[in-house]
Amino acid sequence: MSEKAKLTDQDLIKLKKNILETQADEIELMKRKLKEMEKYKEDKN
């Protein structure tokens, strides 16, 4: 949603950028954790 916002206030622009970067980092962390869980399940079998 924040990707589509047309912002002009510099503080809001920085906040939007920070939110998007943080979300991307969290998604990558979740992907790594899922891979770890899948590997653990495979190793257990």
N, C-alpha and C. Protein backbone atom coordinates (compact mmCIF):
# COMPACT_ATOMS: atom_id res chain seq x y z
N MET A 1 0.82 -1.19 0.00
CA MET A 1 0.00 0.00 0.00
C MET A 1 0.87 1.25 0.00
N SER A 2 1.91 1.28 0.85
CA SER A 2 2.75 2.47 0.90
C SER A 2 3.52 2.66 -0.40
N GLU A 3 3.69 1.57 -1.19
CA GLU A 3 4.39 1.69 -2.47
C GLU A 3 3.62 2.59 -3.44
N LYS A 4 2.32 2.62 -3.30
CA LYS A 4 1.49 3.38 -4.23
C LYS A 4 1.25 4.82 -3.78
N ALA A 5 1.60 5.13 -2.55
CA ALA A 5 1.34 6.47 -2.01
C ALA A 5 2.22 7.51 -2.71
N LYS A 6 1.64 8.61 -3.08
CA LYS A 6 2.36 9.72 -3.69
C LYS A 6 2.68 10.73 -2.58
N LEU A 7 3.85 10.59 -1.98
CA LEU A 7 4.20 11.42 -0.84
C LEU A 7 5.13 12.55 -1.26
N THR A 8 5.00 13.69 -0.56
CA THR A 8 5.90 14.81 -0.81
C THR A 8 6.67 15.19 0.45
N ASP A 9 6.15 14.87 1.62
CA ASP A 9 6.82 15.18 2.88
C ASP A 9 8.04 14.26 3.04
N GLN A 10 9.22 14.84 3.22
CA GLN A 10 10.46 14.07 3.28
C GLN A 10 10.48 13.08 4.44
N ASP A 11 9.91 13.43 5.57
CA ASP A 11 9.86 12.50 6.70
C ASP A 11 9.00 11.28 6.36
N LEU A 12 7.89 11.50 5.70
CA LEU A 12 7.03 10.39 5.31
C LEU A 12 7.68 9.53 4.23
N ILE A 13 8.41 10.16 3.33
CA ILE A 13 9.13 9.42 2.30
C ILE A 13 10.18 8.51 2.94
N LYS A 14 10.92 9.02 3.92
CA LYS A 14 11.92 8.22 4.62
C LYS A 14 11.25 7.07 5.39
N LEU A 15 10.13 7.38 6.03
CA LEU A 15 9.40 6.35 6.77
C LEU A 15 8.91 5.25 5.83
N LYS A 16 8.36 5.64 4.70
CA LYS A 16 7.89 4.67 3.70
C LYS A 16 9.04 3.77 3.25
N LYS A 17 10.18 4.37 2.95
CA LYS A 17 11.34 3.60 2.52
C LYS A 17 11.77 2.61 3.59
N ASN A 18 11.79 3.08 4.83
CA ASN A 18 12.19 2.22 5.95
C ASN A 18 11.22 1.06 6.12
N ILE A 19 9.94 1.32 6.02
CA ILE A 19 8.92 0.27 6.15
C ILE A 19 9.11 -0.78 5.07
N LEU A 20 9.30 -0.34 3.82
CA LEU A 20 9.46 -1.29 2.72
C LEU A 20 10.73 -2.13 2.88
N GLU A 21 11.81 -1.52 3.32
CA GLU A 21 13.06 -2.26 3.53
C GLU A 21 12.90 -3.27 4.66
N THR A 22 12.27 -2.85 5.73
CA THR A 22 12.06 -3.74 6.88
C THR A 22 11.19 -4.93 6.49
N GLN A 23 10.13 -4.67 5.74
CA GLN A 23 9.26 -5.75 5.29
C GLN A 23 10.03 -6.73 4.41
N ALA A 24 10.85 -6.21 3.52
CA ALA A 24 11.63 -7.09 2.63
C ALA A 24 12.59 -7.95 3.45
N ASP A 25 13.23 -7.35 4.46
CA ASP A 25 14.14 -8.10 5.33
C ASP A 25 13.39 -9.20 6.08
N GLU A 26 12.21 -8.88 6.59
CA GLU A 26 11.43 -9.87 7.33
C GLU A 26 10.96 -11.01 6.43
N ILE A 27 10.61 -10.70 5.19
CA ILE A 27 10.19 -11.74 4.25
C ILE A 27 11.37 -12.67 3.95
N GLU A 28 12.56 -12.13 3.76
CA GLU A 28 13.73 -12.95 3.51
C GLU A 28 14.04 -13.84 4.71
N LEU A 29 13.90 -13.31 5.91
CA LEU A 29 14.11 -14.10 7.12
C LEU A 29 13.12 -15.24 7.19
N MET A 30 11.86 -14.96 6.88
CA MET A 30 10.84 -16.01 6.91
C MET A 30 11.14 -17.09 5.88
N LYS A 31 11.60 -16.70 4.69
CA LYS A 31 11.96 -17.68 3.66
C LYS A 31 13.10 -18.57 4.13
N ARG A 32 14.12 -17.98 4.76
CA ARG A 32 15.24 -18.78 5.28
C ARG A 32 14.78 -19.74 6.36
N LYS A 33 13.91 -19.29 7.24
CA LYS A 33 13.41 -20.15 8.30
C LYS A 33 12.59 -21.30 7.73
N LEU A 34 11.78 -21.02 6.71
CA LEU A 34 10.99 -22.08 6.08
C LEU A 34 11.91 -23.13 5.45
N LYS A 35 12.97 -22.68 4.79
CA LYS A 35 13.93 -23.62 4.21
C LYS A 35 14.58 -24.48 5.29
N GLU A 36 14.93 -23.85 6.42
CA GLU A 36 15.51 -24.59 7.54
C GLU A 36 14.54 -25.65 8.05
N MET A 37 13.28 -25.28 8.17
CA MET A 37 12.28 -26.22 8.66
C MET A 37 12.09 -27.38 7.68
N GLU A 38 12.08 -27.06 6.38
CA GLU A 38 11.94 -28.10 5.37
C GLU A 38 13.12 -29.06 5.41
N LYS A 39 14.31 -28.52 5.55
CA LYS A 39 15.50 -29.36 5.62
C LYS A 39 15.46 -30.23 6.87
N TYR A 40 15.03 -29.68 7.98
CA TYR A 40 14.93 -30.43 9.21
C TYR A 40 13.96 -31.60 9.04
N LYS A 41 12.82 -31.32 8.40
CA LYS A 41 11.82 -32.37 8.18
C LYS A 41 12.38 -33.45 7.27
N GLU A 42 13.12 -33.07 6.24
CA GLU A 42 13.73 -34.04 5.32
C GLU A 42 14.77 -34.89 6.05
N ASP A 43 15.59 -34.25 6.86
CA ASP A 43 16.65 -34.96 7.59
C ASP A 43 16.07 -35.93 8.60
N LYS A 44 14.90 -35.60 9.12
CA LYS A 44 14.26 -36.44 10.12
C LYS A 44 13.68 -37.72 9.50
N ASN A 45 13.33 -37.63 8.23
CA ASN A 45 12.72 -38.78 7.55
C ASN A 45 13.75 -39.71 7.04
